[in-house]
Amino acid sequence: MKKIFIFCITLITSFSAFSSPVVEACFNCSASQEMVMAHHYGLSANTPYGESKYHILNTATFDINTYQILKVKNADPESRGDKITNFSIPTPSALTKQSLQLKAAADELSTELMTAAIPSSVISNPWLFVNCAFCGNNTEAYLQKSPSVSLPVKTIGSILKQLNITTVKLDNQYKISLEASGIVLIKVAITNSAKLFVEPIEVIDQNGNRVPFSQDGLNYTSIRISPSFTFKDINEAINPLGFYIPTPDSSAEVAMIKSCKTSKLSKEENCN
């Protein structure tokens, strides 16, 4: 009987040690916001009576803060609801270790993204981003396949899965060079299946022109041109959309985008 009792105690202890902690994500939350989250967790019908621990992952810093929750039934029959007490306690060492691993992987990913470059075979012209449904996906797919990027993404995804967190968004924005010219500014998110999501925020060509994501407003837009990135380069991308840049003077540094429908084209000008 004594052996059976000891076995049961060991089994219960082992189960408790390996049970998944309750972790929820919050982006850049203040201490008061975390206290509110902890209180709401205590009020949840899924939260057991007695003592429990609640952990919050700040996805802006990857710090994990822990709260002790005490949930008891209210003895006053005239009072509604349960009595919830919560206060901050030291975070368990296992979660602290995972927090440090997340920070290291996020720093590594940031370093790789800041030095990444999208080849012309993926994006051949920054002005292709106008009305482009696949440009963001092509950028995302290229970065996801890059070994130096995929490694920290896999590390982050693995830890998120252990913490039962679905997705985190990195706080930074990253300037990714385009081999064809210019840059694309992106934000990224990582899922617990190690999937990298890329959201293009802004595209700028090498002449400093902000490339719109929509063709709306292109007509009569003034842009800078240069010998290294000419009006012909831009026309290649915007002609299929019904816009073009008329042939400027050889010394011109500024040109204007016009609509093919409202312009009289010379024989030399092409507007497909």
Protein backbone atom coordinates (compact mmCIF):
# COMPACT_ATOMS: atom_id res chain seq x y z
CA MET A 1 0.00 0.00 0.00
CA LYS A 2 2.82 2.39 0.87
CA LYS A 3 4.48 1.76 -2.51
CA ILE A 4 1.19 2.46 -4.28
CA PHE A 5 0.77 5.70 -2.34
CA ILE A 6 4.31 6.84 -3.20
CA PHE A 7 3.70 5.95 -6.87
CA CYS A 8 0.52 8.06 -6.92
CA ILE A 9 2.31 11.06 -5.38
CA THR A 10 5.10 10.72 -7.95
CA LEU A 11 2.61 10.49 -10.80
CA ILE A 12 0.73 13.60 -9.67
CA THR A 13 3.98 15.55 -9.23
CA SER A 14 5.20 14.51 -12.67
CA PHE A 15 1.91 15.51 -14.26
CA SER A 16 2.03 18.94 -12.62
CA ALA A 17 5.63 19.51 -13.69
CA PHE A 18 4.84 18.82 -17.35
CA SER A 19 1.39 20.40 -17.60
CA SER A 20 1.29 23.36 -19.98
CA PRO A 21 1.40 26.78 -18.32
CA VAL A 22 -1.37 29.28 -19.12
CA VAL A 23 0.30 31.93 -21.25
CA GLU A 24 -1.42 34.74 -23.12
CA ALA A 25 0.14 37.29 -25.46
CA CYS A 26 -0.14 41.05 -25.14
CA PHE A 27 1.61 43.65 -27.27
CA ASN A 28 3.48 46.28 -25.25
CA CYS A 29 1.04 46.11 -22.33
CA SER A 30 1.59 48.24 -19.25
CA ALA A 31 1.67 46.77 -15.74
CA SER A 32 -1.88 48.00 -15.09
CA GLN A 33 -3.12 46.41 -18.31
CA GLU A 34 -1.53 43.11 -17.33
CA MET A 35 -3.23 43.27 -13.92
CA VAL A 36 -6.58 43.69 -15.70
CA MET A 37 -5.79 40.67 -17.91
CA ALA A 38 -4.91 38.62 -14.82
CA HIS A 39 -8.16 39.64 -13.13
CA HIS A 40 -10.21 38.68 -16.19
CA TYR A 41 -8.44 35.34 -16.31
CA GLY A 42 -9.47 34.76 -12.67
CA LEU A 43 -13.10 35.55 -13.54
CA SER A 44 -13.14 33.04 -16.38
CA ALA A 45 -15.32 29.98 -15.88
CA ASN A 46 -12.37 27.87 -17.05
CA THR A 47 -10.16 29.09 -14.20
CA PRO A 48 -10.25 26.64 -11.26
CA TYR A 49 -10.98 27.67 -7.68
CA GLY A 50 -7.97 28.02 -5.42
CA GLU A 51 -4.50 29.11 -6.50
CA SER A 52 -3.28 29.16 -10.09
CA LYS A 53 -0.58 30.88 -12.10
CA TYR A 54 -1.14 33.10 -15.11
CA HIS A 55 1.65 34.22 -17.46
CA ILE A 56 1.69 37.11 -19.95
CA LEU A 57 4.07 37.25 -22.91
CA ASN A 58 4.76 40.84 -23.97
CA THR A 59 5.30 40.38 -27.72
CA ALA A 60 6.98 43.79 -28.02
CA THR A 61 9.85 42.78 -25.71
CA PHE A 62 9.34 38.99 -25.32
CA ASP A 63 9.37 39.39 -21.54
CA ILE A 64 7.13 36.98 -19.63
CA ASN A 65 5.48 38.21 -16.42
CA THR A 66 3.75 35.88 -13.98
CA TYR A 67 0.75 36.48 -11.70
CA GLN A 68 -0.59 34.43 -8.80
CA ILE A 69 -4.37 34.08 -8.98
CA LEU A 70 -6.53 33.22 -5.97
CA LYS A 71 -10.13 32.44 -6.82
CA VAL A 72 -12.65 31.74 -4.04
CA LYS A 73 -16.41 31.65 -3.83
CA ASN A 74 -17.84 34.76 -2.25
CA ALA A 75 -19.20 33.94 1.23
CA ASP A 76 -21.56 36.93 1.16
CA PRO A 77 -24.85 35.72 -0.35
CA GLU A 78 -25.75 39.28 -1.36
CA SER A 79 -22.54 39.65 -3.39
CA ARG A 80 -22.38 38.46 -6.96
CA GLY A 81 -19.51 36.61 -8.52
CA ASP A 82 -16.37 35.07 -7.13
CA LYS A 83 -13.66 36.85 -5.19
CA ILE A 84 -10.48 37.23 -7.25
CA THR A 85 -7.09 38.22 -5.89
CA ASN A 86 -4.07 38.54 -8.16
CA PHE A 87 -0.53 39.79 -7.67
CA SER A 88 2.80 39.66 -9.45
CA ILE A 89 5.27 36.89 -8.59
CA PRO A 90 8.66 35.83 -10.01
CA THR A 91 8.42 34.09 -13.38
CA PRO A 92 9.40 30.39 -13.33
CA SER A 93 12.92 29.74 -14.60
CA ALA A 94 11.68 27.54 -17.47
CA LEU A 95 9.57 30.38 -18.86
CA THR A 96 12.37 32.89 -18.31
CA LYS A 97 14.63 30.65 -20.37
CA GLN A 98 12.07 30.53 -23.18
CA SER A 99 11.74 34.30 -23.00
CA LEU A 100 15.49 34.72 -23.48
CA GLN A 101 15.43 32.24 -26.36
CA LEU A 102 12.63 34.20 -28.03
CA LYS A 103 14.56 37.45 -27.66
CA ALA A 104 17.72 35.93 -29.12
CA ALA A 105 15.85 34.44 -32.09
CA ALA A 106 13.98 37.71 -32.72
CA ASP A 107 17.27 39.66 -32.65
CA GLU A 108 18.81 37.17 -35.08
CA LEU A 109 15.81 37.45 -37.39
CA SER A 110 15.96 41.26 -37.27
CA THR A 111 19.65 41.21 -38.19
CA GLU A 112 19.01 38.92 -41.16
CA LEU A 113 16.08 40.98 -42.42
CA MET A 114 18.04 44.23 -42.21
CA THR A 115 20.73 42.77 -44.48
CA ALA A 116 18.41 40.88 -46.85
CA ALA A 117 17.99 41.78 -50.52
CA ILE A 118 15.24 40.67 -52.91
CA PRO A 119 16.74 39.59 -56.27
CA SER A 120 15.44 40.88 -59.61
CA SER A 121 14.22 37.38 -60.42
CA VAL A 122 11.66 37.80 -57.62
CA ILE A 123 10.77 41.51 -58.06
CA SER A 124 12.09 42.91 -61.35
CA ASN A 125 10.82 46.49 -60.88
CA PRO A 126 9.71 48.36 -57.75
CA TRP A 127 6.80 49.89 -59.70
CA LEU A 128 5.36 46.39 -60.13
CA PHE A 129 3.96 46.81 -56.61
CA VAL A 130 1.23 49.05 -58.09
CA ASN A 131 -1.97 46.95 -58.14
CA CYS A 132 0.13 43.82 -57.50
CA ALA A 133 -1.50 40.92 -55.68
CA PHE A 134 1.58 38.67 -55.79
CA CYS A 135 4.49 41.03 -55.05
CA GLY A 136 4.08 40.79 -51.29
CA ASN A 137 3.68 37.01 -51.51
CA ASN A 138 6.79 36.70 -53.69
CA THR A 139 8.77 38.73 -51.17
CA GLU A 140 7.42 36.60 -48.33
CA ALA A 141 8.18 33.31 -50.11
CA TYR A 142 11.75 34.36 -50.90
CA LEU A 143 12.49 35.35 -47.30
CA GLN A 144 10.81 32.22 -45.91
CA LYS A 145 13.07 30.02 -48.07
CA SER A 146 16.23 31.88 -47.09
CA PRO A 147 18.16 29.59 -44.65
CA SER A 148 19.42 32.52 -42.58
CA VAL A 149 15.86 33.78 -42.11
CA SER A 150 14.08 30.45 -41.74
CA LEU A 151 16.31 29.27 -38.88
CA PRO A 152 15.28 31.96 -36.32
CA VAL A 153 11.70 31.74 -37.62
CA LYS A 154 11.66 28.00 -36.79
CA THR A 155 13.05 28.72 -33.31
CA ILE A 156 10.38 31.34 -32.63
CA GLY A 157 7.64 29.08 -34.01
CA SER A 158 8.74 26.15 -31.86
CA ILE A 159 8.69 28.19 -28.63
CA LEU A 160 5.33 29.75 -29.50
CA LYS A 161 3.92 26.26 -29.96
CA GLN A 162 5.21 25.23 -26.53
CA LEU A 163 3.58 28.31 -25.01
CA ASN A 164 0.34 27.76 -26.97
CA ILE A 165 0.65 31.22 -28.57
CA THR A 166 -0.68 31.34 -32.14
CA THR A 167 1.12 34.35 -33.65
CA VAL A 168 3.45 37.18 -32.72
CA LYS A 169 4.13 40.37 -34.66
CA LEU A 170 7.59 41.90 -34.43
CA ASP A 171 7.52 45.53 -33.38
CA ASN A 172 10.10 46.72 -35.91
CA GLN A 173 9.75 47.70 -39.55
CA TYR A 174 12.46 46.45 -41.90
CA LYS A 175 13.93 48.03 -45.02
CA ILE A 176 14.58 45.26 -47.53
CA SER A 177 16.75 46.17 -50.50
CA LEU A 178 15.45 45.47 -53.99
CA GLU A 179 18.15 44.36 -56.38
CA ALA A 180 16.12 45.93 -59.20
CA SER A 181 16.39 49.31 -57.39
CA GLY A 182 14.97 50.85 -54.26
CA ILE A 183 13.61 49.33 -51.07
CA VAL A 184 10.47 47.75 -49.68
CA LEU A 185 9.54 48.49 -46.07
CA ILE A 186 7.88 45.51 -44.37
CA LYS A 187 6.40 44.31 -41.10
CA VAL A 188 6.53 40.64 -40.18
CA ALA A 189 4.65 38.13 -38.06
CA ILE A 190 5.55 34.55 -37.11
CA THR A 191 3.13 31.72 -36.36
CA ASN A 192 3.61 28.70 -34.12
CA SER A 193 3.89 26.60 -37.28
CA ALA A 194 7.05 28.56 -38.18
CA LYS A 195 5.30 30.47 -40.97
CA LEU A 196 6.63 33.95 -41.77
CA PHE A 197 4.04 36.53 -42.80
CA VAL A 198 5.24 39.66 -44.61
CA GLU A 199 3.21 42.86 -44.94
CA PRO A 200 4.64 45.48 -47.33
CA ILE A 201 4.20 48.94 -45.80
CA GLU A 202 5.95 51.16 -48.32
CA VAL A 203 7.98 50.87 -51.53
CA ILE A 204 10.47 53.52 -52.64
CA ASP A 205 12.42 53.39 -55.91
CA GLN A 206 16.05 54.45 -56.17
CA ASN A 207 15.05 57.98 -57.20
CA GLY A 208 13.16 58.47 -53.94
CA ASN A 209 9.68 58.10 -55.45
CA ARG A 210 7.10 56.50 -53.18
CA VAL A 211 5.46 53.75 -55.21
CA PRO A 212 1.69 53.59 -54.56
CA PHE A 213 0.08 50.20 -53.94
CA SER A 214 -2.99 51.31 -55.93
CA GLN A 215 -3.23 52.93 -59.35
CA ASP A 216 -5.74 55.41 -57.94
CA GLY A 217 -4.20 58.85 -58.10
CA LEU A 218 -1.40 57.92 -60.52
CA ASN A 219 -2.67 60.32 -63.16
CA TYR A 220 -0.73 63.62 -63.15
CA THR A 221 1.66 62.44 -60.44
CA SER A 222 5.09 64.09 -60.64
CA ILE A 223 8.08 61.81 -60.09
CA ARG A 224 11.85 62.03 -60.23
CA ILE A 225 13.76 60.25 -62.98
CA SER A 226 17.47 59.68 -63.48
CA PRO A 227 19.86 58.15 -66.03
CA SER A 228 20.14 55.04 -63.84
CA PHE A 229 16.37 54.57 -63.41
CA THR A 230 14.58 56.20 -66.32
CA PHE A 231 11.00 56.88 -67.32
CA LYS A 232 11.20 53.81 -69.58
CA ASP A 233 11.84 51.58 -66.54
CA ILE A 234 8.69 52.93 -64.88
CA ASN A 235 6.65 52.70 -68.07
CA GLU A 236 7.36 48.97 -68.25
CA ALA A 237 5.41 48.53 -65.03
CA ILE A 238 2.61 51.10 -65.42
CA ASN A 239 1.80 50.77 -69.14
CA PRO A 240 -0.29 47.59 -68.61
CA LEU A 241 -2.33 49.55 -66.04
CA GLY A 242 -3.22 52.24 -68.58
CA PHE A 243 -0.66 54.86 -67.54
CA TYR A 244 2.57 56.18 -69.02
CA ILE A 245 5.25 58.84 -68.74
CA PRO A 246 5.63 60.96 -71.91
CA THR A 247 9.15 61.15 -73.29
CA PRO A 248 10.83 63.95 -71.30
CA ASP A 249 13.69 66.24 -72.33
CA SER A 250 17.08 64.57 -72.08
CA SER A 251 18.07 66.85 -69.18
CA ALA A 252 14.78 66.51 -67.29
CA GLU A 253 14.91 65.29 -63.70
CA VAL A 254 11.15 65.37 -63.12
CA ALA A 255 8.43 63.76 -65.23
CA MET A 256 4.67 63.33 -64.96
CA ILE A 257 2.57 60.18 -65.09
CA LYS A 258 -0.48 60.48 -67.34
CA SER A 259 -3.47 58.32 -68.24
CA CYS A 260 -3.37 56.60 -71.60
CA LYS A 261 -7.11 57.24 -72.04
CA THR A 262 -6.90 61.03 -71.74
CA SER A 263 -3.58 61.63 -73.52
CA LYS A 264 -2.63 61.98 -77.14
CA LEU A 265 0.31 59.64 -77.72
CA SER A 266 3.09 60.28 -80.20
CA LYS A 267 4.17 57.53 -82.55
CA GLU A 268 7.21 56.90 -80.37
CA GLU A 269 5.20 56.46 -77.21
CA ASN A 270 3.77 53.09 -76.29
CA CYS A 271 0.86 52.62 -73.90
CA ASN A 272 -0.36 49.03 -73.94
